[in-house]
């Protein structure tokens, strides 16, 4: 859990007491590459803290996969629809590499958020950071040409650029793979 705890501490200070509370609810899971952790239209019931590996989230629109985000070591992935609204997920989360993760039941995570100030604050900060990322991504998609979007993506997610299929990056940027290949060659 070294990478997970390091990432948590980089977001905000978490006491040993709070970490022990969390650990009581975690169980280790290992997943192969291309495994669907979360599926659209199905209750998952878990959140996953990623110790090793990478995932991507995507929507299926008219049979086409539209990548919405990436997560790697130290990140947490879950269905916001399920955690906050009690609804089935509207997206998929797929492993892009073999993944070592620690899962927590969403009921337990929600309980930590509702009853412990440290976990409530941590949850608030990860969500404000995610909102900022989504806001920036939306702005870039609407205002920047493809080349500048790709440059901003490389700056924001250098690790993703080194580890992920270019088709997923093109999908995230809202451009075709051939356009991304051309932009990279320029």
N, C-alpha and C. Protein backbone atom coordinates (compact mmCIF):
# COMPACT_ATOMS: atom_id res chain seq x y z
N UNK A 1 0.81 -1.21 0.00
CA UNK A 1 0.00 0.00 0.00
C UNK A 1 0.84 1.26 0.00
N UNK A 2 2.11 1.08 -0.25
CA UNK A 2 3.05 2.20 -0.18
C UNK A 2 2.66 3.37 -1.10
N UNK A 3 2.37 3.06 -2.37
CA UNK A 3 2.03 4.12 -3.33
C UNK A 3 0.70 4.78 -3.00
N UNK A 4 -0.25 3.99 -2.55
CA UNK A 4 -1.55 4.53 -2.19
C UNK A 4 -1.41 5.51 -1.04
N UNK A 5 -0.71 5.09 0.01
CA UNK A 5 -0.55 5.95 1.18
C UNK A 5 0.25 7.21 0.86
N UNK A 6 1.28 7.07 0.03
CA UNK A 6 2.06 8.25 -0.36
C UNK A 6 1.18 9.25 -1.11
N UNK A 7 0.34 8.76 -2.02
CA UNK A 7 -0.55 9.66 -2.77
C UNK A 7 -1.57 10.31 -1.85
N UNK A 8 -2.12 9.53 -0.92
CA UNK A 8 -3.08 10.10 0.04
C UNK A 8 -2.44 11.23 0.83
N UNK A 9 -1.23 11.00 1.32
CA UNK A 9 -0.54 12.01 2.11
C UNK A 9 -0.19 13.24 1.28
N UNK A 10 0.01 13.05 -0.03
CA UNK A 10 0.31 14.21 -0.89
C UNK A 10 -0.93 15.06 -1.13
N UNK A 11 -2.11 14.46 -0.97
CA UNK A 11 -3.36 15.20 -1.16
C UNK A 11 -3.67 16.02 0.09
N UNK A 12 -3.59 15.38 1.24
CA UNK A 12 -3.74 16.08 2.52
C UNK A 12 -3.26 15.13 3.62
N UNK A 13 -2.86 15.71 4.73
CA UNK A 13 -2.34 14.90 5.83
C UNK A 13 -3.42 13.97 6.36
N UNK A 14 -3.07 12.71 6.50
CA UNK A 14 -3.97 11.69 7.05
C UNK A 14 -3.24 11.06 8.24
N UNK A 15 -3.89 11.04 9.37
CA UNK A 15 -3.25 10.50 10.58
C UNK A 15 -3.15 8.98 10.52
N UNK A 16 -2.28 8.44 11.36
CA UNK A 16 -2.15 6.98 11.46
C UNK A 16 -3.48 6.36 11.90
N UNK A 17 -4.20 7.06 12.78
CA UNK A 17 -5.52 6.58 13.24
C UNK A 17 -6.47 6.43 12.06
N UNK A 18 -6.53 7.44 11.20
CA UNK A 18 -7.44 7.39 10.05
C UNK A 18 -7.02 6.30 9.06
N UNK A 19 -5.72 6.14 8.87
CA UNK A 19 -5.23 5.09 7.96
C UNK A 19 -5.60 3.71 8.49
N UNK A 20 -5.47 3.52 9.79
CA UNK A 20 -5.86 2.23 10.37
C UNK A 20 -7.36 1.98 10.21
N UNK A 21 -8.17 3.03 10.31
CA UNK A 21 -9.61 2.89 10.08
C UNK A 21 -9.87 2.39 8.66
N UNK A 22 -9.16 2.98 7.69
CA UNK A 22 -9.32 2.60 6.30
C UNK A 22 -8.88 1.15 6.08
N UNK A 23 -7.71 0.81 6.59
CA UNK A 23 -7.15 -0.53 6.37
C UNK A 23 -8.08 -1.64 6.83
N UNK A 24 -8.89 -1.38 7.84
CA UNK A 24 -9.83 -2.40 8.34
C UNK A 24 -10.84 -2.81 7.26
N UNK A 25 -11.05 -1.94 6.30
CA UNK A 25 -12.08 -2.17 5.28
C UNK A 25 -11.51 -2.61 3.93
N UNK A 26 -10.19 -2.69 3.81
CA UNK A 26 -9.57 -2.98 2.52
C UNK A 26 -9.26 -4.46 2.33
N UNK A 27 -9.37 -4.90 1.10
CA UNK A 27 -8.88 -6.23 0.75
C UNK A 27 -8.15 -6.13 -0.59
N UNK A 28 -7.05 -6.85 -0.67
CA UNK A 28 -6.22 -6.80 -1.87
C UNK A 28 -6.87 -7.58 -3.01
N UNK A 29 -6.75 -7.03 -4.22
CA UNK A 29 -7.27 -7.67 -5.42
C UNK A 29 -6.23 -7.51 -6.52
N UNK A 30 -6.10 -8.53 -7.36
CA UNK A 30 -5.23 -8.46 -8.52
C UNK A 30 -6.08 -8.71 -9.75
N UNK A 31 -5.88 -7.88 -10.78
CA UNK A 31 -6.69 -7.97 -11.99
C UNK A 31 -5.79 -8.05 -13.22
N UNK A 32 -6.19 -8.83 -14.21
CA UNK A 32 -5.41 -8.90 -15.45
C UNK A 32 -5.64 -7.65 -16.32
N UNK A 33 -4.80 -7.48 -17.28
CA UNK A 33 -4.97 -6.42 -18.28
C UNK A 33 -6.30 -6.61 -18.99
N UNK A 34 -6.98 -5.50 -19.29
CA UNK A 34 -8.25 -5.46 -20.04
C UNK A 34 -9.44 -6.03 -19.23
N UNK A 35 -9.35 -5.97 -17.92
CA UNK A 35 -10.43 -6.42 -17.05
C UNK A 35 -11.35 -5.22 -16.75
N UNK A 36 -12.65 -5.44 -16.79
CA UNK A 36 -13.60 -4.37 -16.47
C UNK A 36 -13.89 -4.35 -14.98
N UNK A 37 -13.31 -3.37 -14.28
CA UNK A 37 -13.55 -3.21 -12.84
C UNK A 37 -14.97 -2.72 -12.59
N UNK A 38 -15.40 -1.80 -13.43
CA UNK A 38 -16.73 -1.20 -13.31
C UNK A 38 -17.39 -1.28 -14.68
N UNK A 39 -18.66 -1.65 -14.68
CA UNK A 39 -19.40 -1.80 -15.94
C UNK A 39 -20.62 -0.90 -15.93
N UNK A 40 -20.87 -0.28 -17.06
CA UNK A 40 -22.06 0.54 -17.23
C UNK A 40 -23.30 -0.31 -16.95
N UNK A 41 -24.23 0.30 -16.21
CA UNK A 41 -25.51 -0.36 -15.98
C UNK A 41 -25.52 -1.44 -14.92
N UNK A 42 -24.41 -1.63 -14.22
CA UNK A 42 -24.30 -2.68 -13.20
C UNK A 42 -23.76 -2.07 -11.91
N UNK A 43 -24.35 -2.44 -10.79
CA UNK A 43 -23.81 -2.01 -9.50
C UNK A 43 -22.50 -2.74 -9.24
N UNK A 44 -21.47 -1.99 -8.92
CA UNK A 44 -20.16 -2.57 -8.65
C UNK A 44 -19.97 -2.82 -7.16
N UNK A 45 -20.40 -1.87 -6.35
CA UNK A 45 -20.37 -1.94 -4.89
C UNK A 45 -19.00 -1.69 -4.28
N UNK A 46 -17.97 -1.40 -5.10
CA UNK A 46 -16.62 -1.20 -4.56
C UNK A 46 -15.93 0.01 -5.19
N UNK A 47 -14.98 0.55 -4.43
CA UNK A 47 -14.00 1.51 -4.94
C UNK A 47 -12.66 0.79 -4.88
N UNK A 48 -11.76 1.18 -5.77
CA UNK A 48 -10.45 0.52 -5.86
C UNK A 48 -9.32 1.54 -5.73
N UNK A 49 -8.45 1.33 -4.76
CA UNK A 49 -7.23 2.10 -4.63
C UNK A 49 -6.15 1.36 -5.42
N UNK A 50 -5.52 2.02 -6.36
CA UNK A 50 -4.56 1.36 -7.24
C UNK A 50 -3.15 1.47 -6.65
N UNK A 51 -2.57 0.33 -6.36
CA UNK A 51 -1.19 0.27 -5.89
C UNK A 51 -0.23 0.14 -7.06
N UNK A 52 -0.63 -0.62 -8.08
CA UNK A 52 0.23 -0.85 -9.24
C UNK A 52 -0.65 -1.00 -10.46
N UNK A 53 -0.25 -0.36 -11.56
CA UNK A 53 -0.99 -0.49 -12.81
C UNK A 53 -1.76 0.76 -13.17
N UNK A 54 -2.54 0.65 -14.25
CA UNK A 54 -3.26 1.81 -14.78
C UNK A 54 -4.63 1.38 -15.29
N UNK A 55 -5.59 2.29 -15.17
CA UNK A 55 -6.94 2.06 -15.70
C UNK A 55 -7.35 3.25 -16.56
N UNK A 56 -8.41 3.03 -17.31
CA UNK A 56 -9.06 4.14 -18.01
C UNK A 56 -10.55 4.00 -17.80
N UNK A 57 -11.21 5.14 -17.75
CA UNK A 57 -12.66 5.18 -17.68
C UNK A 57 -13.17 5.58 -19.05
N UNK A 58 -14.31 5.00 -19.44
CA UNK A 58 -14.85 5.36 -20.75
C UNK A 58 -16.36 5.17 -20.79
N UNK A 59 -16.98 5.89 -21.71
CA UNK A 59 -18.39 5.73 -22.03
C UNK A 59 -18.48 4.96 -23.33
N UNK A 60 -19.57 4.27 -23.52
CA UNK A 60 -19.86 3.61 -24.78
C UNK A 60 -20.98 4.43 -25.45
N UNK A 61 -20.64 5.09 -26.56
CA UNK A 61 -21.59 5.95 -27.26
C UNK A 61 -21.73 5.45 -28.69
N UNK A 62 -22.93 5.00 -29.02
CA UNK A 62 -23.19 4.45 -30.36
C UNK A 62 -22.14 3.40 -30.75
N UNK A 63 -21.79 2.55 -29.80
CA UNK A 63 -20.83 1.48 -30.05
C UNK A 63 -19.38 1.91 -30.04
N UNK A 64 -19.12 3.18 -29.81
CA UNK A 64 -17.75 3.70 -29.80
C UNK A 64 -17.33 4.04 -28.37
N UNK A 65 -16.12 3.62 -27.99
CA UNK A 65 -15.59 3.92 -26.66
C UNK A 65 -15.02 5.34 -26.63
N UNK A 66 -15.49 6.14 -25.67
CA UNK A 66 -15.01 7.50 -25.50
C UNK A 66 -14.31 7.57 -24.15
N UNK A 67 -12.99 7.70 -24.16
CA UNK A 67 -12.20 7.72 -22.93
C UNK A 67 -12.43 9.02 -22.19
N UNK A 68 -12.71 8.91 -20.88
CA UNK A 68 -12.99 10.09 -20.06
C UNK A 68 -11.90 10.40 -19.04
N UNK A 69 -11.14 9.39 -18.63
CA UNK A 69 -10.06 9.65 -17.67
C UNK A 69 -9.14 8.44 -17.55
N UNK A 70 -8.02 8.68 -16.89
CA UNK A 70 -7.03 7.64 -16.62
C UNK A 70 -6.71 7.68 -15.13
N UNK A 71 -6.33 6.54 -14.58
CA UNK A 71 -5.90 6.46 -13.18
C UNK A 71 -4.73 5.51 -13.09
N UNK A 72 -3.81 5.80 -12.19
CA UNK A 72 -2.61 4.97 -12.02
C UNK A 72 -2.24 4.93 -10.55
N UNK A 73 -1.05 4.45 -10.26
CA UNK A 73 -0.61 4.20 -8.90
C UNK A 73 -0.97 5.37 -7.97
N UNK A 74 -1.62 5.00 -6.87
CA UNK A 74 -2.02 5.98 -5.86
C UNK A 74 -3.42 6.54 -6.05
N UNK A 75 -4.05 6.25 -7.19
CA UNK A 75 -5.38 6.78 -7.48
C UNK A 75 -6.47 5.90 -6.89
N UNK A 76 -7.67 6.46 -6.84
CA UNK A 76 -8.85 5.70 -6.47
C UNK A 76 -9.83 5.77 -7.64
N UNK A 77 -10.45 4.65 -7.97
CA UNK A 77 -11.47 4.62 -9.03
C UNK A 77 -12.75 4.00 -8.47
N UNK A 78 -13.87 4.60 -8.87
CA UNK A 78 -15.18 4.12 -8.44
C UNK A 78 -16.23 4.80 -9.29
N UNK A 79 -17.45 4.34 -9.17
CA UNK A 79 -18.57 4.97 -9.86
C UNK A 79 -19.14 6.07 -8.96
N UNK A 80 -19.01 7.31 -9.40
CA UNK A 80 -19.60 8.41 -8.64
C UNK A 80 -21.11 8.29 -8.60
N UNK A 81 -21.69 7.80 -9.70
CA UNK A 81 -23.15 7.62 -9.74
C UNK A 81 -23.59 6.69 -8.61
N UNK A 82 -22.84 5.63 -8.42
CA UNK A 82 -23.21 4.65 -7.39
C UNK A 82 -22.92 5.17 -5.98
N UNK A 83 -21.73 5.74 -5.79
CA UNK A 83 -21.35 6.20 -4.45
C UNK A 83 -22.26 7.31 -3.95
N UNK A 84 -22.53 8.29 -4.78
CA UNK A 84 -23.26 9.47 -4.31
C UNK A 84 -24.75 9.47 -4.59
N UNK A 85 -25.17 8.74 -5.61
CA UNK A 85 -26.58 8.82 -6.01
C UNK A 85 -27.31 7.49 -5.95
N UNK A 86 -26.61 6.42 -5.61
CA UNK A 86 -27.24 5.12 -5.52
C UNK A 86 -27.71 4.58 -6.86
N UNK A 87 -27.11 5.07 -7.94
CA UNK A 87 -27.49 4.65 -9.29
C UNK A 87 -26.39 3.80 -9.90
N UNK A 88 -26.76 2.99 -10.89
CA UNK A 88 -25.75 2.20 -11.59
C UNK A 88 -24.82 3.13 -12.34
N UNK A 89 -23.63 2.66 -12.60
CA UNK A 89 -22.62 3.45 -13.29
C UNK A 89 -23.04 3.78 -14.72
N UNK A 90 -22.64 4.93 -15.18
CA UNK A 90 -22.86 5.32 -16.57
C UNK A 90 -21.59 5.11 -17.40
N UNK A 91 -20.54 4.60 -16.77
CA UNK A 91 -19.30 4.38 -17.51
C UNK A 91 -18.65 3.07 -17.11
N UNK A 92 -17.63 2.74 -17.84
CA UNK A 92 -16.82 1.55 -17.60
C UNK A 92 -15.47 1.99 -17.05
N UNK A 93 -14.83 1.15 -16.26
CA UNK A 93 -13.43 1.33 -15.87
C UNK A 93 -12.73 0.03 -16.22
N UNK A 94 -11.71 0.14 -17.05
CA UNK A 94 -10.98 -1.01 -17.57
C UNK A 94 -9.51 -0.92 -17.18
N UNK A 95 -8.92 -2.07 -16.83
CA UNK A 95 -7.49 -2.09 -16.55
C UNK A 95 -6.72 -2.05 -17.87
N UNK A 96 -5.71 -1.22 -17.93
CA UNK A 96 -4.86 -1.13 -19.12
C UNK A 96 -3.58 -1.94 -18.97
N UNK A 97 -3.30 -2.31 -17.75
CA UNK A 97 -2.15 -3.13 -17.40
C UNK A 97 -2.62 -4.09 -16.32
N UNK A 98 -1.79 -5.03 -15.93
CA UNK A 98 -2.12 -5.81 -14.74
C UNK A 98 -2.20 -4.83 -13.58
N UNK A 99 -3.20 -5.00 -12.73
CA UNK A 99 -3.44 -4.05 -11.65
C UNK A 99 -3.46 -4.77 -10.30
N UNK A 100 -2.71 -4.20 -9.36
CA UNK A 100 -2.80 -4.58 -7.95
C UNK A 100 -3.57 -3.46 -7.28
N UNK A 101 -4.66 -3.81 -6.64
CA UNK A 101 -5.51 -2.79 -6.03
C UNK A 101 -5.98 -3.26 -4.66
N UNK A 102 -6.50 -2.32 -3.90
CA UNK A 102 -7.16 -2.62 -2.64
C UNK A 102 -8.57 -2.09 -2.76
N UNK A 103 -9.54 -2.97 -2.52
CA UNK A 103 -10.92 -2.54 -2.68
C UNK A 103 -11.56 -2.28 -1.33
N UNK A 104 -12.52 -1.38 -1.38
CA UNK A 104 -13.33 -1.05 -0.21
C UNK A 104 -14.78 -1.00 -0.67
N UNK A 105 -15.66 -1.55 0.12
CA UNK A 105 -17.08 -1.47 -0.21
C UNK A 105 -17.50 0.00 -0.19
N UNK A 106 -18.31 0.38 -1.15
CA UNK A 106 -18.75 1.77 -1.21
C UNK A 106 -19.52 2.17 0.05
N UNK A 107 -20.23 1.24 0.66
CA UNK A 107 -20.93 1.56 1.91
C UNK A 107 -19.93 1.94 3.00
N UNK A 108 -18.79 1.27 3.04
CA UNK A 108 -17.75 1.60 4.04
C UNK A 108 -17.07 2.92 3.72
N UNK A 109 -16.80 3.17 2.44
CA UNK A 109 -16.18 4.44 2.06
C UNK A 109 -17.13 5.59 2.38
N UNK A 110 -18.39 5.44 2.04
CA UNK A 110 -19.39 6.47 2.34
C UNK A 110 -19.46 6.72 3.85
N UNK A 111 -19.42 5.64 4.63
CA UNK A 111 -19.44 5.77 6.10
C UNK A 111 -18.23 6.57 6.60
N UNK A 112 -17.05 6.28 6.05
CA UNK A 112 -15.86 7.05 6.45
C UNK A 112 -16.03 8.53 6.10
N UNK A 113 -16.55 8.83 4.92
CA UNK A 113 -16.76 10.21 4.51
C UNK A 113 -17.76 10.91 5.44
N UNK A 114 -18.77 10.18 5.87
CA UNK A 114 -19.84 10.78 6.67
C UNK A 114 -19.52 10.89 8.16
N UNK A 115 -18.56 10.10 8.65
CA UNK A 115 -18.35 10.05 10.10
C UNK A 115 -16.96 10.49 10.56
N UNK A 116 -16.03 10.66 9.64
CA UNK A 116 -14.67 11.01 10.04
C UNK A 116 -14.22 12.26 9.28
N UNK A 117 -13.85 13.29 10.01
CA UNK A 117 -13.50 14.56 9.39
C UNK A 117 -12.29 14.45 8.46
N UNK A 118 -11.29 13.64 8.83
CA UNK A 118 -10.13 13.49 7.96
C UNK A 118 -10.51 12.87 6.62
N UNK A 119 -11.33 11.81 6.66
CA UNK A 119 -11.74 11.17 5.41
C UNK A 119 -12.70 12.05 4.62
N UNK A 120 -13.53 12.78 5.31
CA UNK A 120 -14.42 13.73 4.64
C UNK A 120 -13.60 14.78 3.90
N UNK A 121 -12.57 15.30 4.55
CA UNK A 121 -11.72 16.31 3.94
C UNK A 121 -10.93 15.73 2.76
N UNK A 122 -10.40 14.52 2.93
CA UNK A 122 -9.67 13.87 1.84
C UNK A 122 -10.59 13.69 0.63
N UNK A 123 -11.80 13.20 0.88
CA UNK A 123 -12.76 13.03 -0.21
C UNK A 123 -13.10 14.35 -0.90
N UNK A 124 -13.25 15.41 -0.12
CA UNK A 124 -13.53 16.73 -0.70
C UNK A 124 -12.39 17.17 -1.59
N UNK A 125 -11.17 16.99 -1.13
CA UNK A 125 -10.01 17.45 -1.90
C UNK A 125 -9.85 16.64 -3.19
N UNK A 126 -10.01 15.31 -3.14
CA UNK A 126 -9.87 14.55 -4.39
C UNK A 126 -10.95 14.97 -5.38
N UNK A 127 -12.13 15.29 -4.87
CA UNK A 127 -13.20 15.70 -5.79
C UNK A 127 -13.01 17.11 -6.31
N UNK A 128 -12.48 18.00 -5.50
CA UNK A 128 -12.23 19.34 -6.04
C UNK A 128 -11.10 19.28 -7.07
N UNK A 129 -10.11 18.41 -6.86
CA UNK A 129 -9.05 18.25 -7.86
C UNK A 129 -9.59 17.64 -9.15
N UNK A 130 -10.47 16.66 -9.02
CA UNK A 130 -11.07 16.04 -10.20
C UNK A 130 -11.98 17.03 -10.94
N UNK A 131 -12.72 17.84 -10.19
CA UNK A 131 -13.55 18.86 -10.83
C UNK A 131 -12.67 19.82 -11.63
N UNK A 132 -11.56 20.23 -11.05
CA UNK A 132 -10.65 21.15 -11.74
C UNK A 132 -10.10 20.51 -13.01
N UNK A 133 -9.74 19.22 -12.94
CA UNK A 133 -9.24 18.52 -14.12
C UNK A 133 -10.32 18.45 -15.20
N UNK A 134 -11.53 18.11 -14.81
CA UNK A 134 -12.63 18.03 -15.77
C UNK A 134 -12.94 19.40 -16.38
N UNK A 135 -12.93 20.41 -15.55
CA UNK A 135 -13.19 21.78 -16.03
C UNK A 135 -12.13 22.20 -17.04
N UNK A 136 -10.88 21.94 -16.72
CA UNK A 136 -9.78 22.30 -17.62
C UNK A 136 -9.87 21.52 -18.93
N UNK A 137 -10.15 20.22 -18.83
CA UNK A 137 -10.28 19.38 -20.02
C UNK A 137 -11.42 19.87 -20.91
N UNK A 138 -12.53 20.21 -20.31
CA UNK A 138 -13.69 20.71 -21.07
C UNK A 138 -13.33 22.02 -21.77
N UNK A 139 -12.68 22.89 -21.06
CA UNK A 139 -12.27 24.18 -21.64
C UNK A 139 -11.33 23.96 -22.82
N UNK A 140 -10.34 23.06 -22.63
CA UNK A 140 -9.37 22.80 -23.70
C UNK A 140 -10.05 22.20 -24.93
N UNK A 141 -11.00 21.28 -24.71
CA UNK A 141 -11.70 20.66 -25.85
C UNK A 141 -12.49 21.69 -26.65
N UNK A 142 -13.01 22.69 -25.96
CA UNK A 142 -13.84 23.70 -26.62
C UNK A 142 -13.03 24.85 -27.23
N UNK A 143 -11.82 25.07 -26.75
CA UNK A 143 -11.11 26.29 -27.16
C UNK A 143 -9.78 26.05 -27.86
N UNK A 144 -9.16 24.89 -27.69
CA UNK A 144 -7.82 24.70 -28.24
C UNK A 144 -7.85 23.81 -29.48
N UNK A 145 -7.01 24.11 -30.45
CA UNK A 145 -6.85 23.19 -31.58
C UNK A 145 -6.21 21.88 -31.09
N UNK A 146 -6.32 20.83 -31.89
CA UNK A 146 -5.85 19.51 -31.52
C UNK A 146 -4.41 19.48 -31.04
N UNK A 147 -3.52 20.15 -31.73
CA UNK A 147 -2.09 20.13 -31.37
C UNK A 147 -1.89 20.68 -29.96
N UNK A 148 -2.55 21.79 -29.66
CA UNK A 148 -2.40 22.40 -28.34
C UNK A 148 -3.05 21.53 -27.26
N UNK A 149 -4.17 20.87 -27.59
CA UNK A 149 -4.79 19.94 -26.64
C UNK A 149 -3.84 18.81 -26.29
N UNK A 150 -3.17 18.28 -27.33
CA UNK A 150 -2.23 17.19 -27.10
C UNK A 150 -1.05 17.66 -26.26
N UNK A 151 -0.53 18.83 -26.54
CA UNK A 151 0.59 19.37 -25.75
C UNK A 151 0.18 19.56 -24.29
N UNK A 152 -1.02 20.07 -24.06
CA UNK A 152 -1.51 20.26 -22.69
C UNK A 152 -1.67 18.90 -22.00
N UNK A 153 -2.17 17.91 -22.74
CA UNK A 153 -2.33 16.56 -22.20
C UNK A 153 -0.97 15.98 -21.80
N UNK A 154 0.02 16.11 -22.67
CA UNK A 154 1.36 15.59 -22.36
C UNK A 154 1.92 16.23 -21.10
N UNK A 155 1.66 17.51 -20.94
CA UNK A 155 2.17 18.22 -19.77
C UNK A 155 1.44 17.76 -18.50
N UNK A 156 0.13 17.57 -18.61
CA UNK A 156 -0.67 17.18 -17.45
C UNK A 156 -0.49 15.71 -17.10
N UNK A 157 -0.34 14.85 -18.11
CA UNK A 157 -0.30 13.40 -17.90
C UNK A 157 0.90 12.75 -18.58
N UNK A 158 2.14 13.12 -18.23
CA UNK A 158 3.29 12.53 -18.90
C UNK A 158 3.35 11.01 -18.74
N UNK A 159 2.94 10.51 -17.60
CA UNK A 159 2.98 9.07 -17.35
C UNK A 159 2.01 8.33 -18.27
N UNK A 160 0.86 8.91 -18.51
CA UNK A 160 -0.13 8.28 -19.39
C UNK A 160 0.44 8.16 -20.80
N UNK A 161 1.11 9.21 -21.26
CA UNK A 161 1.66 9.22 -22.62
C UNK A 161 2.67 8.09 -22.83
N UNK A 162 3.36 7.70 -21.78
CA UNK A 162 4.38 6.65 -21.89
C UNK A 162 3.80 5.24 -21.80
N UNK A 163 2.58 5.11 -21.26
CA UNK A 163 2.07 3.78 -20.94
C UNK A 163 0.78 3.38 -21.65
N UNK A 164 0.17 4.28 -22.38
CA UNK A 164 -1.18 4.03 -22.89
C UNK A 164 -1.23 4.01 -24.40
N UNK A 165 -2.08 3.17 -24.93
CA UNK A 165 -2.39 3.09 -26.36
C UNK A 165 -2.79 4.48 -26.87
N UNK A 166 -2.23 4.90 -27.99
CA UNK A 166 -2.52 6.23 -28.53
C UNK A 166 -3.99 6.41 -28.88
N UNK A 167 -4.67 5.34 -29.22
CA UNK A 167 -6.10 5.43 -29.52
C UNK A 167 -6.90 5.94 -28.33
N UNK A 168 -6.51 5.54 -27.12
CA UNK A 168 -7.20 6.00 -25.91
C UNK A 168 -6.93 7.49 -25.68
N UNK A 169 -5.71 7.92 -25.96
CA UNK A 169 -5.38 9.34 -25.81
C UNK A 169 -6.16 10.16 -26.83
N UNK A 170 -6.21 9.70 -28.07
CA UNK A 170 -6.98 10.41 -29.11
C UNK A 170 -8.44 10.53 -28.70
N UNK A 171 -9.00 9.45 -28.19
CA UNK A 171 -10.39 9.46 -27.74
C UNK A 171 -10.60 10.47 -26.63
N UNK A 172 -9.69 10.50 -25.66
CA UNK A 172 -9.78 11.45 -24.56
C UNK A 172 -9.74 12.89 -25.08
N UNK A 173 -8.89 13.13 -26.09
CA UNK A 173 -8.73 14.47 -26.64
C UNK A 173 -9.84 14.86 -27.61
N UNK A 174 -10.65 13.89 -28.00
CA UNK A 174 -11.74 14.18 -28.94
C UNK A 174 -11.27 14.34 -30.37
N UNK A 175 -10.19 13.61 -30.72
CA UNK A 175 -9.68 13.64 -32.09
C UNK A 175 -9.50 12.21 -32.57
N UNK A 176 -9.30 12.05 -33.86
CA UNK A 176 -9.09 10.70 -34.40
C UNK A 176 -7.65 10.27 -34.17
N UNK A 177 -7.43 8.97 -34.23
CA UNK A 177 -6.08 8.43 -34.10
C UNK A 177 -5.18 8.94 -35.21
N UNK A 178 -5.70 9.03 -36.44
CA UNK A 178 -4.88 9.52 -37.55
C UNK A 178 -4.50 10.99 -37.33
N UNK A 179 -5.41 11.78 -36.77
CA UNK A 179 -5.08 13.18 -36.46
C UNK A 179 -4.00 13.25 -35.39
N UNK A 180 -4.13 12.43 -34.35
CA UNK A 180 -3.11 12.42 -33.30
C UNK A 180 -1.76 11.99 -33.87
N UNK A 181 -1.74 10.99 -34.72
CA UNK A 181 -0.48 10.54 -35.32
C UNK A 181 0.15 11.67 -36.14
N UNK A 182 -0.66 12.39 -36.88
CA UNK A 182 -0.15 13.51 -37.67
C UNK A 182 0.39 14.60 -36.76
N UNK A 183 -0.33 14.92 -35.68
CA UNK A 183 0.11 15.98 -34.74
C UNK A 183 1.43 15.59 -34.08
N UNK A 184 1.58 14.33 -33.76
CA UNK A 184 2.82 13.88 -33.12
C UNK A 184 4.00 13.94 -34.06
N UNK A 185 3.75 13.80 -35.35
CA UNK A 185 4.83 13.82 -36.35
C UNK A 185 5.28 15.25 -36.68
N UNK A 186 4.42 16.21 -36.39
CA UNK A 186 4.76 17.61 -36.72
C UNK A 186 5.86 18.14 -35.86
